[in-house]
Every structure is written in structure tokens, then in C-alpha cells.
Amino acid sequence: MGIHTSDSHPPLVPSPASGGAPGGAPDGPWVTPRAGVPPTRVPHDADDAGLPQAVLFDRDGTLVVDVPYNGDPERVRPLPTAGAAVEAVRALGIPVGVVSNQSGVARGLLTREQVSAVHRRVERLLGPFDVWAVCPHGPDDGCGCRKPAPGLVFAACERLGADPARCAVIGDIGADMAAARAAGARGVLVPTPVTLPAETAAADERASDLLAAVRLLTAPARPAGGAA
């Protein structure tokens, strides 16, 4: 997610997997499947191999440099090891997705097209993702998808046909880890300068960078816990 204060693709469409309750609460998240081709499906032997059925990445501060409320594709810059990390997951045949809070939409600072344009730029730099799940709501909108709520994880897993309890989330702040935990998924924190010390201490698993996080997730023999 990156900051604590906020945070061609097919059209972004609401998902029934998450969102507010009936009676005026917000719609669910925007969920975008992989353009042009079917998404990577969960490997049949993933459970037997001890691998995650899918790996979901936070966007800002995790995959790319966090630029608050960014709607300009030219400002997108991948973080170190991001490309290698995502490619390492793809090489194992595991679906990859992005789960991202984008409250700039609710604040009137971003449009859907700007969000999509940034996603297209990310994919040009890092390759295609099998699903994008985006929360366009603000902190006070009462939705079920804004992290730390689990709705984005549920929506992405539903689109991929994956069991949340057999999936993993990689992010840079406590809200990412809380969303993973609430969904029953495995969470790996990759701390950055904006990560609070308490968030780092509370993380069940930590890694020094994205590639280390992926290696932690894809090395089943390695004991869980601690830093990679």
C-alpha cells in the first residue's frame, strides 16, 4: 500500500465477492482479469508441493515506488527485485495478482481510466498479472474491500478459483498483513521506510525485499516465521 494516509485492460468491473452491506453501502471492488488470455489457473499439484495457489502483491510501496494518488503512468517506477520476484512466481505456474487500495478515486483525485492507465504501465514494466483487485473507496465509506478488510483478497481469489487459505499476500504495511490474516491467507511483510516498527514486529513473516519474500513462499521446507 505504501502510505498510511491513503493509499488495454478490460473495463474495471465491480465484483460480488466483496463490498458493503445492502442499504446504501459502497459497491464491491473493481476486479480486472488478465487481458486477452485466460488467467493462469491454480496448479493442480500446488498443495502437494506446499506452494501457494496464488500470490497477491500490494501495488504502491511493494511493486512500485509509492507516489500518492498517482494517475500518471510516466511516474511508475518498479521497486528493486520486483520484476525478478513476479517472474519467479510465474515460472512456477502460480497465478499472480495485485490487491490495491486506491482511495484517490473516492477523494475525487483519480478516475477509473487513470487507475487503469497506471496498471497498464505496471504491466508493461513487470509483465501481465492474472487479476487486479482495487478498492476505490475512502477510509470512512464502510466498504468490505479496503485493506485491512479482506475483501480484495477474497475477490482476487474468487476470480482465480483459488482458496484464500492456500494463497499468499506480500505487502509493505500492517494493513496488507491484516487483510491477509482476515482472509486466512499467508502474509509476508517487506518493510520500507514508511513501515511502522510496530507493524514490522507484528508481522508473522518478513523479508528484506520482494525476491526474498517469494523465495520464502516457494521454499516449503523452510520454517515459517522470522525474516528472510
C-alpha atoms as a PDB file:
ATOM      1  CA  MET A   1       0.000   0.000   0.000  1.00  0.00           C
ATOM      2  CA  GLY A   2       2.838   2.369   0.739  1.00  0.00           C
ATOM      3  CA  ILE A   3       1.401   5.283   2.697  1.00  0.00           C
ATOM      4  CA  HIS A   4      -0.771   5.163   5.783  1.00  0.00           C
ATOM      5  CA  THR A   5      -2.810   8.268   4.965  1.00  0.00           C
ATOM      6  CA  SER A   6      -4.300   6.935   1.658  1.00  0.00           C
ATOM      7  CA  ASP A   7      -3.012   4.842  -0.238  1.00  0.00           C
ATOM      8  CA  SER A   8      -5.567  -2.096 -22.862  1.00  0.00           C
ATOM      9  CA  HIS A   9      -7.147  -3.637 -19.637  1.00  0.00           C
ATOM     10  CA  PRO A  10     -10.783  -4.642 -19.870  1.00  0.00           C
ATOM     11  CA  PRO A  11     -13.112  -2.244 -18.029  1.00  0.00           C
ATOM     12  CA  LEU A  12     -12.811  -2.327 -14.273  1.00  0.00           C
ATOM     13  CA  VAL A  13     -15.942  -4.032 -13.022  1.00  0.00           C
ATOM     14  CA  PRO A  14     -17.369  -4.415  -9.508  1.00  0.00           C
ATOM     15  CA  SER A  15     -17.039  -7.887  -8.030  1.00  0.00           C
ATOM     16  CA  PRO A  16     -19.775  -9.588  -5.991  1.00  0.00           C
ATOM     17  CA  ALA A  17     -17.097 -11.095  -3.771  1.00  0.00           C
ATOM     18  CA  SER A  18     -16.835  -8.083  -1.521  1.00  0.00           C
ATOM     19  CA  GLY A  19     -18.172  -4.684  -0.758  1.00  0.00           C
ATOM     20  CA  GLY A  20     -20.554  -3.035   1.591  1.00  0.00           C
ATOM     21  CA  ALA A  21     -23.718  -4.460   3.006  1.00  0.00           C
ATOM     22  CA  PRO A  22     -27.090  -3.766   1.398  1.00  0.00           C
ATOM     23  CA  GLY A  23     -28.804  -0.481   2.102  1.00  0.00           C
ATOM     24  CA  GLY A  24     -26.614   2.181   0.590  1.00  0.00           C
ATOM     25  CA  ALA A  25     -23.152   0.853   1.416  1.00  0.00           C
ATOM     26  CA  PRO A  26     -20.499   1.002  -1.319  1.00  0.00           C
ATOM     27  CA  ASP A  27     -20.307  -1.442  -4.186  1.00  0.00           C
ATOM     28  CA  GLY A  28     -17.585  -4.062  -4.174  1.00  0.00           C
ATOM     29  CA  PRO A  29     -14.050  -3.726  -5.506  1.00  0.00           C
ATOM     30  CA  TRP A  30     -13.061  -3.236  -9.124  1.00  0.00           C
ATOM     31  CA  VAL A  31     -11.772  -6.551 -10.434  1.00  0.00           C
ATOM     32  CA  THR A  32      -9.903  -6.772 -13.729  1.00  0.00           C
ATOM     33  CA  PRO A  33      -8.934 -10.145 -15.208  1.00  0.00           C
ATOM     34  CA  ARG A  34      -5.919 -10.657 -17.416  1.00  0.00           C
ATOM     35  CA  ALA A  35      -6.469  -9.029 -20.790  1.00  0.00           C
ATOM     36  CA  GLY A  36      -6.673 -11.091 -23.950  1.00  0.00           C
ATOM     37  CA  VAL A  37      -5.969 -14.527 -22.486  1.00  0.00           C
ATOM     38  CA  PRO A  38      -7.422 -16.640 -19.679  1.00  0.00           C
ATOM     39  CA  PRO A  39      -5.680 -16.165 -16.330  1.00  0.00           C
ATOM     40  CA  THR A  40      -3.113 -18.654 -15.125  1.00  0.00           C
ATOM     41  CA  ARG A  41      -5.006 -21.344 -13.287  1.00  0.00           C
ATOM     42  CA  VAL A  42      -4.060 -22.754  -9.914  1.00  0.00           C
ATOM     43  CA  PRO A  43      -1.551 -25.599 -10.409  1.00  0.00           C
ATOM     44  CA  HIS A  44      -3.092 -28.977  -9.642  1.00  0.00           C
ATOM     45  CA  ASP A  45      -0.080 -30.033  -7.599  1.00  0.00           C
ATOM     46  CA  ALA A  46       0.366 -26.764  -5.689  1.00  0.00           C
ATOM     47  CA  ASP A  47      -0.938 -28.181  -2.422  1.00  0.00           C
ATOM     48  CA  ASP A  48       1.151 -31.350  -2.690  1.00  0.00           C
ATOM     49  CA  ALA A  49       4.266 -29.265  -3.341  1.00  0.00           C
ATOM     50  CA  GLY A  50       3.499 -26.928  -0.442  1.00  0.00           C
ATOM     51  CA  LEU A  51       3.279 -23.954  -2.808  1.00  0.00           C
ATOM     52  CA  PRO A  52       0.704 -21.153  -2.650  1.00  0.00           C
ATOM     53  CA  GLN A  53      -2.209 -21.425  -5.059  1.00  0.00           C
ATOM     54  CA  ALA A  54      -1.737 -17.732  -5.893  1.00  0.00           C
ATOM     55  CA  VAL A  55       0.496 -14.851  -4.841  1.00  0.00           C
ATOM     56  CA  LEU A  56      -1.125 -11.434  -4.456  1.00  0.00           C
ATOM     57  CA  PHE A  57       1.019  -8.312  -4.321  1.00  0.00           C
ATOM     58  CA  ASP A  58       0.197  -4.903  -2.916  1.00  0.00           C
ATOM     59  CA  ARG A  59       0.939  -2.241  -5.549  1.00  0.00           C
ATOM     60  CA  ASP A  60       2.232   1.057  -4.114  1.00  0.00           C
ATOM     61  CA  GLY A  61       5.314   0.676  -1.954  1.00  0.00           C
ATOM     62  CA  THR A  62       5.553  -3.018  -2.801  1.00  0.00           C
ATOM     63  CA  LEU A  63       5.719  -3.485  -6.562  1.00  0.00           C
ATOM     64  CA  VAL A  64       6.302   0.151  -7.488  1.00  0.00           C
ATOM     65  CA  VAL A  65       7.545   3.317  -5.834  1.00  0.00           C
ATOM     66  CA  ASP A  66       4.717   4.879  -3.849  1.00  0.00           C
ATOM     67  CA  VAL A  67       3.528   8.106  -5.452  1.00  0.00           C
ATOM     68  CA  PRO A  68       0.426   9.206  -3.505  1.00  0.00           C
ATOM     69  CA  TYR A  69      -2.748   9.227  -5.618  1.00  0.00           C
ATOM     70  CA  ASN A  70      -0.781   8.646  -8.785  1.00  0.00           C
ATOM     71  CA  GLY A  71      -2.728   8.794 -12.046  1.00  0.00           C
ATOM     72  CA  ASP A  72       0.280   9.397 -14.301  1.00  0.00           C
ATOM     73  CA  PRO A  73       1.755   6.248 -15.895  1.00  0.00           C
ATOM     74  CA  GLU A  74       5.051   8.050 -16.519  1.00  0.00           C
ATOM     75  CA  ARG A  75       5.632   8.271 -12.779  1.00  0.00           C
ATOM     76  CA  VAL A  76       5.506   4.491 -12.290  1.00  0.00           C
ATOM     77  CA  ARG A  77       8.871   3.053 -11.197  1.00  0.00           C
ATOM     78  CA  PRO A  78       9.309  -0.594 -10.158  1.00  0.00           C
ATOM     79  CA  LEU A  79      10.984  -1.273  -6.851  1.00  0.00           C
ATOM     80  CA  PRO A  80      14.217  -3.287  -6.762  1.00  0.00           C
ATOM     81  CA  THR A  81      13.733  -7.034  -7.390  1.00  0.00           C
ATOM     82  CA  ALA A  82      10.045  -6.545  -8.292  1.00  0.00           C
ATOM     83  CA  GLY A  83      10.471  -7.871 -11.821  1.00  0.00           C
ATOM     84  CA  ALA A  84      12.541 -10.850 -10.728  1.00  0.00           C
ATOM     85  CA  ALA A  85      10.124 -11.644  -7.908  1.00  0.00           C
ATOM     86  CA  VAL A  86       6.998 -11.643 -10.060  1.00  0.00           C
ATOM     87  CA  GLU A  87       8.730 -13.632 -12.791  1.00  0.00           C
ATOM     88  CA  ALA A  88       9.891 -16.225 -10.261  1.00  0.00           C
ATOM     89  CA  VAL A  89       6.261 -16.841  -9.256  1.00  0.00           C
ATOM     90  CA  ARG A  90       5.131 -17.048 -12.883  1.00  0.00           C
ATOM     91  CA  ALA A  91       7.922 -19.522 -13.662  1.00  0.00           C
ATOM     92  CA  LEU A  92       6.370 -21.940 -11.177  1.00  0.00           C
ATOM     93  CA  GLY A  93       2.998 -21.679 -12.922  1.00  0.00           C
ATOM     94  CA  ILE A  94       1.445 -19.888  -9.945  1.00  0.00           C
ATOM     95  CA  PRO A  95      -1.084 -17.114 -10.689  1.00  0.00           C
ATOM     96  CA  VAL A  96      -0.078 -13.582  -9.710  1.00  0.00           C
ATOM     97  CA  GLY A  97      -2.415 -10.751  -8.794  1.00  0.00           C
ATOM     98  CA  VAL A  98      -2.485  -7.258  -7.325  1.00  0.00           C
ATOM     99  CA  VAL A  99      -4.642  -6.064  -4.424  1.00  0.00           C
ATOM    100  CA  SER A 100      -4.579  -2.288  -4.035  1.00  0.00           C
ATOM    101  CA  ASN A 101      -6.370   0.441  -2.087  1.00  0.00           C
ATOM    102  CA  GLN A 102      -6.942   3.487  -4.304  1.00  0.00           C
ATOM    103  CA  SER A 103      -8.834   5.954  -2.143  1.00  0.00           C
ATOM    104  CA  GLY A 104      -7.884   8.746  -4.539  1.00  0.00           C
ATOM    105  CA  VAL A 105     -10.957   7.693  -6.513  1.00  0.00           C
ATOM    106  CA  ALA A 106     -13.281   8.385  -3.580  1.00  0.00           C
ATOM    107  CA  ARG A 107     -11.453  11.631  -2.900  1.00  0.00           C
ATOM    108  CA  GLY A 108     -12.024  12.821  -6.471  1.00  0.00           C
ATOM    109  CA  LEU A 109      -8.301  12.760  -7.278  1.00  0.00           C
ATOM    110  CA  LEU A 110      -8.334   9.767  -9.643  1.00  0.00           C
ATOM    111  CA  THR A 111     -10.630   8.374 -12.324  1.00  0.00           C
ATOM    112  CA  ARG A 112     -11.100   4.744 -13.300  1.00  0.00           C
ATOM    113  CA  GLU A 113      -9.258   5.380 -16.543  1.00  0.00           C
ATOM    114  CA  GLN A 114      -6.284   6.844 -14.705  1.00  0.00           C
ATOM    115  CA  VAL A 115      -6.163   3.803 -12.427  1.00  0.00           C
ATOM    116  CA  SER A 116      -6.309   1.532 -15.483  1.00  0.00           C
ATOM    117  CA  ALA A 117      -3.597   3.548 -17.255  1.00  0.00           C
ATOM    118  CA  VAL A 118      -1.257   3.118 -14.292  1.00  0.00           C
ATOM    119  CA  HIS A 119      -1.985  -0.621 -14.285  1.00  0.00           C
ATOM    120  CA  ARG A 120      -1.156  -0.864 -17.959  1.00  0.00           C
ATOM    121  CA  ARG A 121       2.165   0.830 -17.279  1.00  0.00           C
ATOM    122  CA  VAL A 122       2.918  -1.557 -14.423  1.00  0.00           C
ATOM    123  CA  GLU A 123       2.245  -4.482 -16.744  1.00  0.00           C
ATOM    124  CA  ARG A 124       4.491  -3.053 -19.441  1.00  0.00           C
ATOM    125  CA  LEU A 125       7.283  -2.947 -16.869  1.00  0.00           C
ATOM    126  CA  LEU A 126       6.596  -6.142 -14.905  1.00  0.00           C
ATOM    127  CA  GLY A 127       4.534  -8.306 -17.258  1.00  0.00           C
ATOM    128  CA  PRO A 128       0.883  -9.343 -17.054  1.00  0.00           C
ATOM    129  CA  PHE A 129      -0.970 -10.056 -13.846  1.00  0.00           C
ATOM    130  CA  ASP A 130      -3.775 -12.586 -13.751  1.00  0.00           C
ATOM    131  CA  VAL A 131      -6.073 -10.346 -11.735  1.00  0.00           C
ATOM    132  CA  TRP A 132      -6.199  -6.796 -10.375  1.00  0.00           C
ATOM    133  CA  ALA A 133      -8.477  -6.133  -7.399  1.00  0.00           C
ATOM    134  CA  VAL A 134      -8.832  -2.470  -6.472  1.00  0.00           C
ATOM    135  CA  CYS A 135     -10.735  -0.768  -3.669  1.00  0.00           C
ATOM    136  CA  PRO A 136     -11.865   2.683  -4.885  1.00  0.00           C
ATOM    137  CA  HIS A 137     -13.405   3.666  -1.549  1.00  0.00           C
ATOM    138  CA  GLY A 138     -12.304   6.030   1.171  1.00  0.00           C
ATOM    139  CA  PRO A 139     -11.451   5.149   4.770  1.00  0.00           C
ATOM    140  CA  ASP A 140     -14.890   6.171   6.030  1.00  0.00           C
ATOM    141  CA  ASP A 141     -17.006   4.610   3.282  1.00  0.00           C
ATOM    142  CA  GLY A 142     -17.780   1.427   5.203  1.00  0.00           C
ATOM    143  CA  CYS A 143     -16.807  -0.985   2.440  1.00  0.00           C
ATOM    144  CA  GLY A 144     -15.630  -4.543   2.935  1.00  0.00           C
ATOM    145  CA  CYS A 145     -12.760  -4.351   0.477  1.00  0.00           C
ATOM    146  CA  ARG A 146     -10.424  -1.614   1.696  1.00  0.00           C
ATOM    147  CA  LYS A 147      -7.429  -3.207   3.396  1.00  0.00           C
ATOM    148  CA  PRO A 148      -7.167  -4.122   6.267  1.00  0.00           C
ATOM    149  CA  ALA A 149     -10.533  -5.712   5.420  1.00  0.00           C
ATOM    150  CA  PRO A 150     -10.161  -8.977   3.472  1.00  0.00           C
ATOM    151  CA  GLY A 151     -12.460  -8.191   0.533  1.00  0.00           C
ATOM    152  CA  LEU A 152      -9.736  -7.610  -2.059  1.00  0.00           C
ATOM    153  CA  VAL A 153      -8.078 -10.913  -1.205  1.00  0.00           C
ATOM    154  CA  PHE A 154     -11.397 -12.735  -1.414  1.00  0.00           C
ATOM    155  CA  ALA A 155     -12.273 -11.090  -4.735  1.00  0.00           C
ATOM    156  CA  ALA A 156      -8.907 -11.891  -6.327  1.00  0.00           C
ATOM    157  CA  CYS A 157      -9.001 -15.485  -5.122  1.00  0.00           C
ATOM    158  CA  GLU A 158     -12.567 -15.931  -6.368  1.00  0.00           C
ATOM    159  CA  ARG A 159     -11.546 -14.735  -9.830  1.00  0.00           C
ATOM    160  CA  LEU A 160      -8.609 -17.164  -9.857  1.00  0.00           C
ATOM    161  CA  GLY A 161     -10.519 -20.117  -8.451  1.00  0.00           C
ATOM    162  CA  ALA A 162      -8.118 -20.227  -5.511  1.00  0.00           C
ATOM    163  CA  ASP A 163      -8.666 -20.987  -1.837  1.00  0.00           C
ATOM    164  CA  PRO A 164      -7.678 -17.880   0.186  1.00  0.00           C
ATOM    165  CA  ALA A 165      -6.288 -20.149   2.883  1.00  0.00           C
ATOM    166  CA  ARG A 166      -3.818 -21.532   0.321  1.00  0.00           C
ATOM    167  CA  CYS A 167      -2.778 -18.133  -1.060  1.00  0.00           C
ATOM    168  CA  ALA A 168      -0.225 -15.528  -0.033  1.00  0.00           C
ATOM    169  CA  VAL A 169      -0.181 -11.731   0.178  1.00  0.00           C
ATOM    170  CA  ILE A 170       3.004  -9.649   0.008  1.00  0.00           C
ATOM    171  CA  GLY A 171       2.858  -6.040   1.172  1.00  0.00           C
ATOM    172  CA  ASP A 172       4.722  -3.272   2.929  1.00  0.00           C
ATOM    173  CA  ILE A 173       2.457  -2.159   5.791  1.00  0.00           C
ATOM    174  CA  GLY A 174       0.301  -3.615   8.518  1.00  0.00           C
ATOM    175  CA  ALA A 175      -2.962  -3.196   6.600  1.00  0.00           C
ATOM    176  CA  ASP A 176      -1.692  -5.632   3.970  1.00  0.00           C
ATOM    177  CA  MET A 177      -0.861  -8.196   6.630  1.00  0.00           C
ATOM    178  CA  ALA A 178      -4.174  -7.670   8.411  1.00  0.00           C
ATOM    179  CA  ALA A 179      -6.083  -8.238   5.165  1.00  0.00           C
ATOM    180  CA  ALA A 180      -4.170 -11.452   4.567  1.00  0.00           C
ATOM    181  CA  ARG A 181      -4.790 -12.632   8.107  1.00  0.00           C
ATOM    182  CA  ALA A 182      -8.502 -11.800   7.960  1.00  0.00           C
ATOM    183  CA  ALA A 183      -8.833 -13.769   4.723  1.00  0.00           C
ATOM    184  CA  GLY A 184      -6.969 -16.737   6.149  1.00  0.00           C
ATOM    185  CA  ALA A 185      -4.074 -16.191   3.725  1.00  0.00           C
ATOM    186  CA  ARG A 186      -0.362 -16.207   4.427  1.00  0.00           C
ATOM    187  CA  GLY A 187       1.173 -12.747   4.669  1.00  0.00           C
ATOM    188  CA  VAL A 188       4.770 -11.665   4.142  1.00  0.00           C
ATOM    189  CA  LEU A 189       5.808  -8.128   5.041  1.00  0.00           C
ATOM    190  CA  VAL A 190       8.550  -6.369   3.071  1.00  0.00           C
ATOM    191  CA  PRO A 191       9.294  -3.344   5.255  1.00  0.00           C
ATOM    192  CA  THR A 192      10.109   0.046   3.738  1.00  0.00           C
ATOM    193  CA  PRO A 193      10.896   3.398   5.389  1.00  0.00           C
ATOM    194  CA  VAL A 194       7.159   4.025   5.854  1.00  0.00           C
ATOM    195  CA  THR A 195       6.535   0.722   7.629  1.00  0.00           C
ATOM    196  CA  LEU A 196       5.912   1.383  11.308  1.00  0.00           C
ATOM    197  CA  PRO A 197       8.112  -0.506  13.784  1.00  0.00           C
ATOM    198  CA  ALA A 198       5.021  -1.980  15.409  1.00  0.00           C
ATOM    199  CA  GLU A 199       3.875  -3.310  12.025  1.00  0.00           C
ATOM    200  CA  THR A 200       7.218  -4.973  11.437  1.00  0.00           C
ATOM    201  CA  ALA A 201       7.163  -6.510  14.906  1.00  0.00           C
ATOM    202  CA  ALA A 202       3.616  -7.789  14.456  1.00  0.00           C
ATOM    203  CA  ALA A 203       4.234  -9.455  11.080  1.00  0.00           C
ATOM    204  CA  ASP A 204       4.165 -13.245  11.144  1.00  0.00           C
ATOM    205  CA  GLU A 205       6.742 -13.355   8.349  1.00  0.00           C
ATOM    206  CA  ARG A 206       9.114 -10.730   6.981  1.00  0.00           C
ATOM    207  CA  ALA A 207      11.538 -10.490   4.083  1.00  0.00           C
ATOM    208  CA  SER A 208      14.198  -7.991   3.118  1.00  0.00           C
ATOM    209  CA  ASP A 209      12.888  -7.497  -0.419  1.00  0.00           C
ATOM    210  CA  LEU A 210      10.303  -8.871  -2.838  1.00  0.00           C
ATOM    211  CA  LEU A 211      12.503 -11.604  -4.245  1.00  0.00           C
ATOM    212  CA  ALA A 212      13.339 -12.801  -0.740  1.00  0.00           C
ATOM    213  CA  ALA A 213       9.614 -12.847   0.050  1.00  0.00           C
ATOM    214  CA  VAL A 214       8.895 -15.005  -2.988  1.00  0.00           C
ATOM    215  CA  ARG A 215      11.711 -17.378  -2.090  1.00  0.00           C
ATOM    216  CA  LEU A 216      10.232 -17.679   1.391  1.00  0.00           C
ATOM    217  CA  LEU A 217       6.837 -18.571  -0.052  1.00  0.00           C
ATOM    218  CA  THR A 218       8.152 -21.028  -2.621  1.00  0.00           C
ATOM    219  CA  ALA A 219      10.585 -22.891  -0.363  1.00  0.00           C
ATOM    220  CA  PRO A 220       8.155 -25.129   1.576  1.00  0.00           C
ATOM    221  CA  ALA A 221      10.904 -26.845   3.521  1.00  0.00           C
ATOM    222  CA  ARG A 222      11.938 -23.567   5.112  1.00  0.00           C
ATOM    223  CA  PRO A 223      10.453 -22.997   8.580  1.00  0.00           C
ATOM    224  CA  ALA A 224       7.853 -20.228   8.764  1.00  0.00           C
ATOM    225  CA  GLY A 225       8.466 -17.083  10.795  1.00  0.00           C
ATOM    226  CA  GLY A 226      11.242 -14.563  11.112  1.00  0.00           C
ATOM    227  CA  ALA A 227      12.944 -12.558   8.439  1.00  0.00           C
ATOM    228  CA  ALA A 228      14.273 -13.823   5.124  1.00  0.00           C
END
